[in-house]
Amino acid sequence: MVMLTLAEAERLCIDAALAAGASAPAAESIARATVAAEADGQASVGLSHFIDYLEAWKAGRIRGDAAPALTRPAPTIILSDADGGTAHLGFDVAFDDLVVAAETFGVAIFSQRNAFTSGALGWYTSRLAEQGLVALAATSGPAFLAGSGTTKPVFCTNPLSFAAPRHGGPPLLVDQSSSATAYVNIRAAAERGETIPEGWALGPDGRPTTDPAQAMRGALLAFGGSRGANIALMVEVLAAGLSGTNWSVDSPPYSEGSESPGSGLFVLAIDPKLFGDGFPERLGAHLGRLEDEFGMHLPGEAKAARRISSVRDGLAVDAAIVARIAAFMPGP
């Protein structure tokens, strides 16, 4: 393992992204999001996943010179065409205006098309919650997930994230995929030569499998059966349907070829202050009661605690991952 401060990890990612062909704004934007995911303990969408971005820049799946084009068809709606670039940059460019619009009108929406995959979806909602807003986000991508009654992939893992500010603690943060597990976990199991639990995936023959290699050729399963598949469908409509970007079944793969998957992103921001006073205090008191009196686990607390320790102690990263990232940079 290699110990890195958060600043060192960001610098490593920025330098590697620039060497792979990213613009400076895109490199800085995605490096911040990636290191934040690693700091929160989300290694599957942290530095190991950053290698996917680097390879995508090199192969042309992410356009290095992409510049998101933002339009405002209404005061409360911000549309972004990512131009084949990263999802993070368009959101960063729109962020301040999205916050102001939500604070002015009570609600605002950011909708983006033609982007690479969004990474950790909680990155988008938690930033809005830190500004005192309630946020909901959904994103689409290449098809991995079987729909209700199907044995072939028709949806991406189609995650949904929700965040809300609370007094006396970190924001409430829910960030979960519609699938029983993330695709990157299937891929990691295949790389390690491990089996996967029953109920995660189907093989190419449409039958349940515990072989991750067969799962990658087949389809992931939704959590909760048809209920999870219905949530994936709702996410698809919000992220791909409203934005006008690729449906999952039409998205090129994110890990091979030279075409962008053309992913969509939907973010809803709500200002609770326009509904009445004291929302963060009311939510904080209620969540505290659920935790203290009922022993409920509160989503977001573990990530917040891990982030504090990461800031204090740094990140312990597999040396092989650091070496693979560094390999994109020219030698001395």
C-alpha atoms as a PDB file:
ATOM      1  CA  MET A   1       0.000   0.000   0.000  1.00  0.00           C
ATOM      2  CA  VAL A   2       1.039   3.590  -0.628  1.00  0.00           C
ATOM      3  CA  MET A   3       0.032   6.455   1.672  1.00  0.00           C
ATOM      4  CA  LEU A   4      -1.078   9.647  -0.061  1.00  0.00           C
ATOM      5  CA  THR A   5      -2.509  12.867   1.270  1.00  0.00           C
ATOM      6  CA  LEU A   6      -5.666  14.030  -0.464  1.00  0.00           C
ATOM      7  CA  ALA A   7      -3.688  16.815  -2.126  1.00  0.00           C
ATOM      8  CA  GLU A   8      -1.084  14.331  -3.377  1.00  0.00           C
ATOM      9  CA  ALA A   9      -3.787  12.043  -4.741  1.00  0.00           C
ATOM     10  CA  GLU A  10      -5.463  14.938  -6.558  1.00  0.00           C
ATOM     11  CA  ARG A  11      -2.132  16.054  -8.046  1.00  0.00           C
ATOM     12  CA  LEU A  12      -1.434  12.507  -9.236  1.00  0.00           C
ATOM     13  CA  CYS A  13      -4.833  12.286 -10.923  1.00  0.00           C
ATOM     14  CA  ILE A  14      -4.605  15.737 -12.507  1.00  0.00           C
ATOM     15  CA  ASP A  15      -1.145  15.120 -13.946  1.00  0.00           C
ATOM     16  CA  ALA A  16      -2.148  11.708 -15.308  1.00  0.00           C
ATOM     17  CA  ALA A  17      -5.357  13.097 -16.836  1.00  0.00           C
ATOM     18  CA  LEU A  18      -3.491  15.931 -18.523  1.00  0.00           C
ATOM     19  CA  ALA A  19      -0.995  13.440 -19.935  1.00  0.00           C
ATOM     20  CA  ALA A  20      -3.857  11.253 -21.184  1.00  0.00           C
ATOM     21  CA  GLY A  21      -5.315  14.180 -23.132  1.00  0.00           C
ATOM     22  CA  ALA A  22      -7.726  15.902 -20.737  1.00  0.00           C
ATOM     23  CA  SER A  23      -8.163  19.659 -20.617  1.00  0.00           C
ATOM     24  CA  ALA A  24      -7.078  21.326 -17.378  1.00  0.00           C
ATOM     25  CA  PRO A  25     -10.665  22.089 -16.210  1.00  0.00           C
ATOM     26  CA  ALA A  26     -11.796  18.506 -16.893  1.00  0.00           C
ATOM     27  CA  ALA A  27      -8.714  17.019 -15.203  1.00  0.00           C
ATOM     28  CA  GLU A  28      -9.202  19.117 -12.066  1.00  0.00           C
ATOM     29  CA  SER A  29     -12.947  18.488 -11.919  1.00  0.00           C
ATOM     30  CA  ILE A  30     -12.769  14.715 -12.176  1.00  0.00           C
ATOM     31  CA  ALA A  31      -9.723  14.475  -9.898  1.00  0.00           C
ATOM     32  CA  ARG A  32     -11.617  16.213  -7.088  1.00  0.00           C
ATOM     33  CA  ALA A  33     -14.601  13.896  -7.484  1.00  0.00           C
ATOM     34  CA  THR A  34     -12.448  10.759  -7.681  1.00  0.00           C
ATOM     35  CA  VAL A  35     -10.366  11.568  -4.618  1.00  0.00           C
ATOM     36  CA  ALA A  36     -13.521  12.481  -2.699  1.00  0.00           C
ATOM     37  CA  ALA A  37     -14.956   9.040  -3.489  1.00  0.00           C
ATOM     38  CA  GLU A  38     -11.733   7.370  -2.335  1.00  0.00           C
ATOM     39  CA  ALA A  39     -11.726   9.466   0.839  1.00  0.00           C
ATOM     40  CA  ASP A  40     -15.315   8.411   1.550  1.00  0.00           C
ATOM     41  CA  GLY A  41     -14.327   4.749   1.339  1.00  0.00           C
ATOM     42  CA  GLN A  42     -15.883   4.177  -2.099  1.00  0.00           C
ATOM     43  CA  ALA A  43     -12.841   2.503  -3.603  1.00  0.00           C
ATOM     44  CA  SER A  44     -14.812   0.938  -6.472  1.00  0.00           C
ATOM     45  CA  VAL A  45     -15.488   4.428  -7.892  1.00  0.00           C
ATOM     46  CA  GLY A  46     -12.278   5.971  -6.536  1.00  0.00           C
ATOM     47  CA  LEU A  47      -8.718   5.738  -7.794  1.00  0.00           C
ATOM     48  CA  SER A  48      -9.125   2.271  -9.310  1.00  0.00           C
ATOM     49  CA  HIS A  49     -12.031   3.580 -11.417  1.00  0.00           C
ATOM     50  CA  PHE A  50      -9.970   6.633 -12.392  1.00  0.00           C
ATOM     51  CA  ILE A  51      -7.930   4.317 -14.614  1.00  0.00           C
ATOM     52  CA  ASP A  52     -11.094   3.817 -16.708  1.00  0.00           C
ATOM     53  CA  TYR A  53     -11.214   7.568 -17.308  1.00  0.00           C
ATOM     54  CA  LEU A  54      -7.551   7.695 -18.281  1.00  0.00           C
ATOM     55  CA  GLU A  55      -7.959   4.843 -20.743  1.00  0.00           C
ATOM     56  CA  ALA A  56     -11.098   6.498 -22.125  1.00  0.00           C
ATOM     57  CA  TRP A  57      -9.231   9.761 -22.795  1.00  0.00           C
ATOM     58  CA  LYS A  58      -6.497   7.850 -24.560  1.00  0.00           C
ATOM     59  CA  ALA A  59      -8.969   5.901 -26.703  1.00  0.00           C
ATOM     60  CA  GLY A  60     -11.182   8.895 -27.484  1.00  0.00           C
ATOM     61  CA  ARG A  61     -14.217   7.748 -25.499  1.00  0.00           C
ATOM     62  CA  ILE A  62     -13.786  11.024 -23.593  1.00  0.00           C
ATOM     63  CA  ARG A  63     -13.044  14.039 -25.758  1.00  0.00           C
ATOM     64  CA  GLY A  64     -10.011  15.858 -24.408  1.00  0.00           C
ATOM     65  CA  ASP A  65     -11.106  19.223 -25.809  1.00  0.00           C
ATOM     66  CA  ALA A  66     -14.772  18.867 -24.837  1.00  0.00           C
ATOM     67  CA  ALA A  67     -16.431  22.052 -23.598  1.00  0.00           C
ATOM     68  CA  PRO A  68     -19.911  21.698 -22.093  1.00  0.00           C
ATOM     69  CA  ALA A  69     -22.520  23.969 -23.696  1.00  0.00           C
ATOM     70  CA  LEU A  70     -25.065  25.294 -21.198  1.00  0.00           C
ATOM     71  CA  THR A  71     -28.472  26.752 -22.019  1.00  0.00           C
ATOM     72  CA  ARG A  72     -31.345  28.113 -19.887  1.00  0.00           C
ATOM     73  CA  PRO A  73     -34.720  27.374 -21.533  1.00  0.00           C
ATOM     74  CA  ALA A  74     -36.382  28.517 -18.296  1.00  0.00           C
ATOM     75  CA  PRO A  75     -35.118  30.275 -15.148  1.00  0.00           C
ATOM     76  CA  THR A  76     -35.271  27.025 -13.172  1.00  0.00           C
ATOM     77  CA  ILE A  77     -33.779  24.687 -15.790  1.00  0.00           C
ATOM     78  CA  ILE A  78     -30.124  24.391 -16.818  1.00  0.00           C
ATOM     79  CA  LEU A  79     -29.370  22.128 -19.770  1.00  0.00           C
ATOM     80  CA  SER A  80     -25.864  20.897 -20.528  1.00  0.00           C
ATOM     81  CA  ASP A  81     -24.472  19.170 -23.595  1.00  0.00           C
ATOM     82  CA  ALA A  82     -21.235  17.619 -22.322  1.00  0.00           C
ATOM     83  CA  ASP A  83     -19.860  17.421 -25.879  1.00  0.00           C
ATOM     84  CA  GLY A  84     -18.524  13.917 -25.319  1.00  0.00           C
ATOM     85  CA  GLY A  85     -16.557  14.975 -22.235  1.00  0.00           C
ATOM     86  CA  THR A  86     -16.847  14.141 -18.557  1.00  0.00           C
ATOM     87  CA  ALA A  87     -20.074  14.424 -16.593  1.00  0.00           C
ATOM     88  CA  HIS A  88     -18.322  16.275 -13.774  1.00  0.00           C
ATOM     89  CA  LEU A  89     -17.202  19.339 -15.716  1.00  0.00           C
ATOM     90  CA  GLY A  90     -20.657  20.329 -16.963  1.00  0.00           C
ATOM     91  CA  PHE A  91     -22.046  20.083 -13.437  1.00  0.00           C
ATOM     92  CA  ASP A  92     -19.161  22.122 -12.030  1.00  0.00           C
ATOM     93  CA  VAL A  93     -19.683  24.867 -14.601  1.00  0.00           C
ATOM     94  CA  ALA A  94     -23.416  25.018 -13.801  1.00  0.00           C
ATOM     95  CA  PHE A  95     -23.132  24.541 -10.030  1.00  0.00           C
ATOM     96  CA  ASP A  96     -23.259  28.144  -8.801  1.00  0.00           C
ATOM     97  CA  ASP A  97     -26.136  29.036 -11.122  1.00  0.00           C
ATOM     98  CA  LEU A  98     -28.022  25.894 -10.061  1.00  0.00           C
ATOM     99  CA  VAL A  99     -27.711  26.867  -6.396  1.00  0.00           C
ATOM    100  CA  VAL A 100     -28.831  30.455  -7.054  1.00  0.00           C
ATOM    101  CA  ALA A 101     -31.807  29.262  -9.125  1.00  0.00           C
ATOM    102  CA  ALA A 102     -32.918  26.874  -6.376  1.00  0.00           C
ATOM    103  CA  GLU A 103     -32.582  29.561  -3.716  1.00  0.00           C
ATOM    104  CA  THR A 104     -34.490  32.061  -5.868  1.00  0.00           C
ATOM    105  CA  PHE A 105     -37.352  29.909  -7.116  1.00  0.00           C
ATOM    106  CA  GLY A 106     -37.377  27.078  -4.565  1.00  0.00           C
ATOM    107  CA  VAL A 107     -36.545  24.409  -7.106  1.00  0.00           C
ATOM    108  CA  ALA A 108     -34.083  24.027  -9.999  1.00  0.00           C
ATOM    109  CA  ILE A 109     -33.066  21.247 -12.378  1.00  0.00           C
ATOM    110  CA  PHE A 110     -29.781  20.411 -14.095  1.00  0.00           C
ATOM    111  CA  SER A 111     -30.073  18.025 -17.040  1.00  0.00           C
ATOM    112  CA  GLN A 112     -27.072  16.823 -19.042  1.00  0.00           C
ATOM    113  CA  ARG A 113     -26.566  14.719 -22.166  1.00  0.00           C
ATOM    114  CA  ASN A 114     -23.643  13.286 -24.135  1.00  0.00           C
ATOM    115  CA  ALA A 115     -21.267  12.634 -21.228  1.00  0.00           C
ATOM    116  CA  PHE A 116     -19.011   9.851 -20.025  1.00  0.00           C
ATOM    117  CA  THR A 117     -20.171   7.988 -16.910  1.00  0.00           C
ATOM    118  CA  SER A 118     -20.911  10.045 -13.787  1.00  0.00           C
ATOM    119  CA  GLY A 119     -18.823   8.171 -11.195  1.00  0.00           C
ATOM    120  CA  ALA A 120     -20.026   8.412  -7.586  1.00  0.00           C
ATOM    121  CA  LEU A 121     -23.497   9.941  -7.846  1.00  0.00           C
ATOM    122  CA  GLY A 122     -23.420  11.109  -4.226  1.00  0.00           C
ATOM    123  CA  TRP A 123     -20.735  13.617  -5.269  1.00  0.00           C
ATOM    124  CA  TYR A 124     -23.446  15.697  -6.976  1.00  0.00           C
ATOM    125  CA  THR A 125     -26.156  15.572  -4.317  1.00  0.00           C
ATOM    126  CA  SER A 126     -23.879  15.966  -1.294  1.00  0.00           C
ATOM    127  CA  ARG A 127     -22.396  19.177  -2.684  1.00  0.00           C
ATOM    128  CA  LEU A 128     -25.873  20.645  -2.965  1.00  0.00           C
ATOM    129  CA  ALA A 129     -26.780  19.486   0.551  1.00  0.00           C
ATOM    130  CA  GLU A 130     -23.683  21.284   1.835  1.00  0.00           C
ATOM    131  CA  GLN A 131     -25.247  24.440   0.366  1.00  0.00           C
ATOM    132  CA  GLY A 132     -28.419  23.838   2.384  1.00  0.00           C
ATOM    133  CA  LEU A 133     -30.406  22.250  -0.450  1.00  0.00           C
ATOM    134  CA  VAL A 134     -32.300  18.967  -0.732  1.00  0.00           C
ATOM    135  CA  ALA A 135     -31.121  17.126  -3.848  1.00  0.00           C
ATOM    136  CA  LEU A 136     -32.064  14.149  -5.992  1.00  0.00           C
ATOM    137  CA  ALA A 137     -29.864  12.808  -8.811  1.00  0.00           C
ATOM    138  CA  ALA A 138     -30.171  10.040 -11.403  1.00  0.00           C
ATOM    139  CA  THR A 139     -27.820   8.907 -14.145  1.00  0.00           C
ATOM    140  CA  SER A 140     -27.815   6.503 -17.076  1.00  0.00           C
ATOM    141  CA  GLY A 141     -25.154   4.693 -19.109  1.00  0.00           C
ATOM    142  CA  PRO A 142     -24.434   1.521 -21.106  1.00  0.00           C
ATOM    143  CA  ALA A 143     -26.778  -1.431 -20.567  1.00  0.00           C
ATOM    144  CA  PHE A 144     -25.745  -3.927 -17.865  1.00  0.00           C
ATOM    145  CA  LEU A 145     -29.005  -4.579 -16.011  1.00  0.00           C
ATOM    146  CA  ALA A 146     -31.907  -6.848 -16.930  1.00  0.00           C
ATOM    147  CA  GLY A 147     -35.353  -5.264 -16.845  1.00  0.00           C
ATOM    148  CA  SER A 148     -38.448  -6.783 -15.333  1.00  0.00           C
ATOM    149  CA  GLY A 149     -39.078 -10.065 -17.154  1.00  0.00           C
ATOM    150  CA  THR A 150     -35.976  -9.809 -19.372  1.00  0.00           C
ATOM    151  CA  THR A 151     -32.767 -11.844 -19.352  1.00  0.00           C
ATOM    152  CA  LYS A 152     -30.821  -9.390 -21.505  1.00  0.00           C
ATOM    153  CA  PRO A 153     -29.411  -6.062 -20.272  1.00  0.00           C
ATOM    154  CA  VAL A 154     -31.644  -3.083 -21.049  1.00  0.00           C
ATOM    155  CA  PHE A 155     -30.579  -0.550 -18.385  1.00  0.00           C
ATOM    156  CA  CYS A 156     -27.327   0.688 -16.907  1.00  0.00           C
ATOM    157  CA  THR A 157     -27.010   0.126 -13.145  1.00  0.00           C
ATOM    158  CA  ASN A 158     -29.014   3.393 -13.087  1.00  0.00           C
ATOM    159  CA  PRO A 159     -28.153   4.725  -9.632  1.00  0.00           C
ATOM    160  CA  LEU A 160     -30.261   7.152  -7.650  1.00  0.00           C
ATOM    161  CA  SER A 161     -28.892   9.515  -5.011  1.00  0.00           C
ATOM    162  CA  PHE A 162     -30.655  11.705  -2.447  1.00  0.00           C
ATOM    163  CA  ALA A 163     -29.143  14.164   0.012  1.00  0.00           C
ATOM    164  CA  ALA A 164     -30.531  16.581   2.572  1.00  0.00           C
ATOM    165  CA  PRO A 165     -28.899  18.979   5.048  1.00  0.00           C
ATOM    166  CA  ARG A 166     -29.308  18.313   8.746  1.00  0.00           C
ATOM    167  CA  HIS A 167     -28.286  20.171  11.849  1.00  0.00           C
ATOM    168  CA  GLY A 168     -25.781  18.486  14.143  1.00  0.00           C
ATOM    169  CA  GLY A 169     -24.334  16.012  11.650  1.00  0.00           C
ATOM    170  CA  PRO A 170     -23.300  15.365   8.077  1.00  0.00           C
ATOM    171  CA  PRO A 171     -25.949  15.498   5.344  1.00  0.00           C
ATOM    172  CA  LEU A 172     -28.278  12.565   4.989  1.00  0.00           C
ATOM    173  CA  LEU A 173     -26.909  10.844   1.886  1.00  0.00           C
ATOM    174  CA  VAL A 174     -28.394   7.904  -0.009  1.00  0.00           C
ATOM    175  CA  ASP A 175     -26.443   6.701  -3.052  1.00  0.00           C
ATOM    176  CA  GLN A 176     -27.387   3.321  -4.473  1.00  0.00           C
ATOM    177  CA  SER A 177     -27.668   1.571  -7.794  1.00  0.00           C
ATOM    178  CA  SER A 178     -30.783  -0.117  -9.113  1.00  0.00           C
ATOM    179  CA  SER A 179     -28.774  -3.325  -9.515  1.00  0.00           C
ATOM    180  CA  ALA A 180     -28.037  -5.767  -6.723  1.00  0.00           C
ATOM    181  CA  THR A 181     -24.398  -4.660  -6.967  1.00  0.00           C
ATOM    182  CA  ALA A 182     -22.323  -2.266  -9.058  1.00  0.00           C
ATOM    183  CA  TYR A 183     -20.805  -3.491 -12.318  1.00  0.00           C
ATOM    184  CA  VAL A 184     -17.321  -2.575 -11.085  1.00  0.00           C
ATOM    185  CA  ASN A 185     -17.747  -5.091  -8.245  1.00  0.00           C
ATOM    186  CA  ILE A 186     -18.489  -7.846 -10.782  1.00  0.00           C
ATOM    187  CA  ARG A 187     -15.425  -6.862 -12.776  1.00  0.00           C
ATOM    188  CA  ALA A 188     -13.242  -6.765  -9.661  1.00  0.00           C
ATOM    189  CA  ALA A 189     -14.372 -10.265  -8.669  1.00  0.00           C
ATOM    190  CA  ALA A 190     -13.483 -11.519 -12.146  1.00  0.00           C
ATOM    191  CA  GLU A 191     -10.021  -9.957 -11.903  1.00  0.00           C
ATOM    192  CA  ARG A 192      -9.451 -11.630  -8.520  1.00  0.00           C
ATOM    193  CA  GLY A 193     -10.780 -14.985  -9.703  1.00  0.00           C
ATOM    194  CA  GLU A 194     -13.546 -14.984  -7.080  1.00  0.00           C
ATOM    195  CA  THR A 195     -17.171 -16.050  -7.311  1.00  0.00           C
ATOM    196  CA  ILE A 196     -20.086 -13.674  -6.780  1.00  0.00           C
ATOM    197  CA  PRO A 197     -23.173 -14.219  -4.607  1.00  0.00           C
ATOM    198  CA  GLU A 198     -26.326 -15.742  -6.047  1.00  0.00           C
ATOM    199  CA  GLY A 199     -28.875 -13.154  -7.079  1.00  0.00           C
ATOM    200  CA  TRP A 200     -26.367 -10.705  -8.517  1.00  0.00           C
ATOM    201  CA  ALA A 201     -26.389 -11.694 -12.166  1.00  0.00           C
ATOM    202  CA  LEU A 202     -27.443 -13.916 -15.054  1.00  0.00           C
ATOM    203  CA  GLY A 203     -25.100 -15.606 -17.510  1.00  0.00           C
ATOM    204  CA  PRO A 204     -25.392 -15.184 -21.298  1.00  0.00           C
ATOM    205  CA  ASP A 205     -27.771 -18.162 -21.323  1.00  0.00           C
ATOM    206  CA  GLY A 206     -30.208 -16.228 -19.107  1.00  0.00           C
ATOM    207  CA  ARG A 207     -29.642 -18.462 -16.094  1.00  0.00           C
ATOM    208  CA  PRO A 208     -28.416 -17.327 -12.658  1.00  0.00           C
ATOM    209  CA  THR A 209     -24.640 -17.485 -12.272  1.00  0.00           C
ATOM    210  CA  THR A 210     -21.987 -17.017  -9.601  1.00  0.00           C
ATOM    211  CA  ASP A 211     -19.218 -16.749 -12.204  1.00  0.00           C
ATOM    212  CA  PRO A 212     -18.333 -13.049 -12.685  1.00  0.00           C
ATOM    213  CA  ALA A 213     -16.897 -13.704 -16.152  1.00  0.00           C
ATOM    214  CA  GLN A 214     -20.240 -15.172 -17.231  1.00  0.00           C
ATOM    215  CA  ALA A 215     -22.061 -12.298 -15.520  1.00  0.00           C
ATOM    216  CA  MET A 216     -20.090  -9.764 -17.555  1.00  0.00           C
ATOM    217  CA  ARG A 217     -21.303 -11.530 -20.697  1.00  0.00           C
ATOM    218  CA  GLY A 218     -24.860 -11.740 -19.369  1.00  0.00           C
ATOM    219  CA  ALA A 219     -26.830  -9.263 -17.273  1.00  0.00           C
ATOM    220  CA  LEU A 220     -26.877  -7.884 -13.746  1.00  0.00           C
ATOM    221  CA  LEU A 221     -30.049  -8.323 -11.701  1.00  0.00           C
ATOM    222  CA  ALA A 222     -32.013  -5.520 -10.058  1.00  0.00           C
ATOM    223  CA  PHE A 223     -32.293  -5.381  -6.284  1.00  0.00           C
ATOM    224  CA  GLY A 224     -35.735  -6.450  -5.090  1.00  0.00           C
ATOM    225  CA  GLY A 225     -36.703  -8.026  -8.398  1.00  0.00           C
ATOM    226  CA  SER A 226     -39.289  -6.096 -10.442  1.00  0.00           C
ATOM    227  CA  ARG A 227     -39.372  -3.246  -7.899  1.00  0.00           C
ATOM    228  CA  GLY A 228     -35.713  -2.484  -8.451  1.00  0.00           C
ATOM    229  CA  ALA A 229     -36.165  -2.832 -12.210  1.00  0.00           C
ATOM    230  CA  ASN A 230     -39.016  -0.312 -12.045  1.00  0.00           C
ATOM    231  CA  ILE A 231     -36.721   2.149 -10.268  1.00  0.00           C
ATOM    232  CA  ALA A 232     -34.134   1.605 -13.011  1.00  0.00           C
ATOM    233  CA  LEU A 233     -36.816   2.459 -15.563  1.00  0.00           C
ATOM    234  CA  MET A 234     -37.746   5.656 -13.713  1.00  0.00           C
ATOM    235  CA  VAL A 235     -34.065   6.633 -13.549  1.00  0.00           C
ATOM    236  CA  GLU A 236     -33.767   5.943 -17.280  1.00  0.00           C
ATOM    237  CA  VAL A 237     -36.648   8.295 -18.044  1.00  0.00           C
ATOM    238  CA  LEU A 238     -35.241  11.076 -15.848  1.00  0.00           C
ATOM    239  CA  ALA A 239     -31.595  10.784 -16.918  1.00  0.00           C
ATOM    240  CA  ALA A 240     -31.774   9.645 -20.544  1.00  0.00           C
ATOM    241  CA  GLY A 241     -35.351  10.430 -21.556  1.00  0.00           C
ATOM    242  CA  LEU A 242     -35.563  14.064 -20.443  1.00  0.00           C
ATOM    243  CA  SER A 243     -32.029  14.922 -21.540  1.00  0.00           C
ATOM    244  CA  GLY A 244     -32.477  13.391 -24.988  1.00  0.00           C
ATOM    245  CA  THR A 245     -29.268  11.372 -24.750  1.00  0.00           C
ATOM    246  CA  ASN A 246     -28.690   7.680 -25.512  1.00  0.00           C
ATOM    247  CA  TRP A 247     -31.012   5.128 -23.989  1.00  0.00           C
ATOM    248  CA  SER A 248     -28.961   2.473 -22.225  1.00  0.00           C
ATOM    249  CA  VAL A 249     -29.553  -0.102 -24.953  1.00  0.00           C
ATOM    250  CA  ASP A 250     -28.137   2.378 -27.487  1.00  0.00           C
ATOM    251  CA  SER A 251     -25.085   3.440 -25.446  1.00  0.00           C
ATOM    252  CA  PRO A 252     -21.620   2.359 -26.616  1.00  0.00           C
ATOM    253  CA  PRO A 253     -19.594   0.603 -23.880  1.00  0.00           C
ATOM    254  CA  TYR A 254     -17.599   2.779 -21.513  1.00  0.00           C
ATOM    255  CA  SER A 255     -14.600   0.418 -21.406  1.00  0.00           C
ATOM    256  CA  GLU A 256     -13.823  -0.226 -25.086  1.00  0.00           C
ATOM    257  CA  GLY A 257     -14.037   1.375 -28.505  1.00  0.00           C
ATOM    258  CA  SER A 258     -13.686   5.058 -29.358  1.00  0.00           C
ATOM    259  CA  GLU A 259     -17.254   6.327 -28.866  1.00  0.00           C
ATOM    260  CA  SER A 260     -18.634   8.055 -25.785  1.00  0.00           C
ATOM    261  CA  PRO A 261     -21.430   6.161 -24.030  1.00  0.00           C
ATOM    262  CA  GLY A 262     -23.416   9.411 -24.146  1.00  0.00           C
ATOM    263  CA  SER A 263     -24.638   9.135 -20.571  1.00  0.00           C
ATOM    264  CA  GLY A 264     -27.350  11.348 -19.083  1.00  0.00           C
ATOM    265  CA  LEU A 265     -27.524  13.088 -15.735  1.00  0.00           C
ATOM    266  CA  PHE A 266     -30.545  14.546 -13.930  1.00  0.00           C
ATOM    267  CA  VAL A 267     -30.156  16.642 -10.773  1.00  0.00           C
ATOM    268  CA  LEU A 268     -33.028  18.229  -8.861  1.00  0.00           C
ATOM    269  CA  ALA A 269     -32.257  20.877  -6.222  1.00  0.00           C
ATOM    270  CA  ILE A 270     -34.861  22.099  -3.694  1.00  0.00           C
ATOM    271  CA  ASP A 271     -34.441  24.929  -1.188  1.00  0.00           C
ATOM    272  CA  PRO A 272     -36.194  23.881   2.037  1.00  0.00           C
ATOM    273  CA  LYS A 273     -36.104  27.462   3.361  1.00  0.00           C
ATOM    274  CA  LEU A 274     -38.914  28.416   1.006  1.00  0.00           C
ATOM    275  CA  PHE A 275     -41.118  25.738   2.575  1.00  0.00           C
ATOM    276  CA  GLY A 276     -40.652  27.055   6.102  1.00  0.00           C
ATOM    277  CA  ASP A 277     -38.048  27.652   8.783  1.00  0.00           C
ATOM    278  CA  GLY A 278     -35.934  25.085  10.584  1.00  0.00           C
ATOM    279  CA  PHE A 279     -35.773  22.161   8.149  1.00  0.00           C
ATOM    280  CA  PRO A 280     -32.157  21.145   8.983  1.00  0.00           C
ATOM    281  CA  GLU A 281     -32.934  21.291  12.713  1.00  0.00           C
ATOM    282  CA  ARG A 282     -36.165  19.304  12.313  1.00  0.00           C
ATOM    283  CA  LEU A 283     -34.464  16.660  10.170  1.00  0.00           C
ATOM    284  CA  GLY A 284     -31.474  16.487  12.495  1.00  0.00           C
ATOM    285  CA  ALA A 285     -33.679  15.936  15.523  1.00  0.00           C
ATOM    286  CA  HIS A 286     -35.725  13.246  13.773  1.00  0.00           C
ATOM    287  CA  LEU A 287     -32.690  11.372  12.453  1.00  0.00           C
ATOM    288  CA  GLY A 288     -31.108  11.542  15.899  1.00  0.00           C
ATOM    289  CA  ARG A 289     -34.236  10.004  17.398  1.00  0.00           C
ATOM    290  CA  LEU A 290     -34.263   7.222  14.791  1.00  0.00           C
ATOM    291  CA  GLU A 291     -30.628   6.495  15.535  1.00  0.00           C
ATOM    292  CA  ASP A 292     -30.755   6.732  19.332  1.00  0.00           C
ATOM    293  CA  GLU A 293     -34.166   5.205  20.086  1.00  0.00           C
ATOM    294  CA  PHE A 294     -34.447   2.673  17.276  1.00  0.00           C
ATOM    295  CA  GLY A 295     -30.808   1.880  16.450  1.00  0.00           C
ATOM    296  CA  MET A 296     -31.262   2.899  12.824  1.00  0.00           C
ATOM    297  CA  HIS A 297     -28.219   3.165  10.571  1.00  0.00           C
ATOM    298  CA  LEU A 298     -28.188   6.592   8.916  1.00  0.00           C
ATOM    299  CA  PRO A 299     -26.990   6.703   5.299  1.00  0.00           C
ATOM    300  CA  GLY A 300     -24.046   9.032   4.828  1.00  0.00           C
ATOM    301  CA  GLU A 301     -22.612   8.861   8.349  1.00  0.00           C
ATOM    302  CA  ALA A 302     -20.042   6.169   7.566  1.00  0.00           C
ATOM    303  CA  LYS A 303     -18.827   8.078   4.504  1.00  0.00           C
ATOM    304  CA  ALA A 304     -18.541  11.290   6.518  1.00  0.00           C
ATOM    305  CA  ALA A 305     -16.548   9.544   9.265  1.00  0.00           C
ATOM    306  CA  ARG A 306     -14.266   7.936   6.697  1.00  0.00           C
ATOM    307  CA  ARG A 307     -13.704  11.318   5.042  1.00  0.00           C
ATOM    308  CA  ILE A 308     -12.614  12.851   8.351  1.00  0.00           C
ATOM    309  CA  SER A 309     -10.093  10.068   8.915  1.00  0.00           C
ATOM    310  CA  SER A 310      -8.865  10.354   5.328  1.00  0.00           C
ATOM    311  CA  VAL A 311      -8.226  14.069   5.739  1.00  0.00           C
ATOM    312  CA  ARG A 312      -6.377  13.393   8.995  1.00  0.00           C
ATOM    313  CA  ASP A 313      -4.444  10.238   8.091  1.00  0.00           C
ATOM    314  CA  GLY A 314      -4.316  10.233   4.295  1.00  0.00           C
ATOM    315  CA  LEU A 315      -5.327   7.504   1.842  1.00  0.00           C
ATOM    316  CA  ALA A 316      -3.936   3.958   1.831  1.00  0.00           C
ATOM    317  CA  VAL A 317      -3.948   3.028  -1.852  1.00  0.00           C
ATOM    318  CA  ASP A 318      -2.852  -0.180  -3.546  1.00  0.00           C
ATOM    319  CA  ALA A 319       0.615   0.487  -4.971  1.00  0.00           C
ATOM    320  CA  ALA A 320      -0.360  -1.222  -8.217  1.00  0.00           C
ATOM    321  CA  ILE A 321      -3.197   1.272  -8.746  1.00  0.00           C
ATOM    322  CA  VAL A 322      -0.880   4.223  -8.096  1.00  0.00           C
ATOM    323  CA  ALA A 323       1.644   2.749 -10.541  1.00  0.00           C
ATOM    324  CA  ARG A 324      -0.997   2.284 -13.250  1.00  0.00           C
ATOM    325  CA  ILE A 325      -2.121   5.904 -12.881  1.00  0.00           C
ATOM    326  CA  ALA A 326       1.456   7.182 -12.871  1.00  0.00           C
ATOM    327  CA  ALA A 327       2.221   5.141 -16.001  1.00  0.00           C
ATOM    328  CA  PHE A 328       0.106   7.551 -18.061  1.00  0.00           C
ATOM    329  CA  MET A 329       2.574  10.339 -17.311  1.00  0.00           C
ATOM    330  CA  PRO A 330       5.774  10.722 -19.360  1.00  0.00           C
ATOM    331  CA  GLY A 331       8.967   9.552 -17.669  1.00  0.00           C
ATOM    332  CA  PRO A 332      11.715  11.907 -16.474  1.00  0.00           C
END
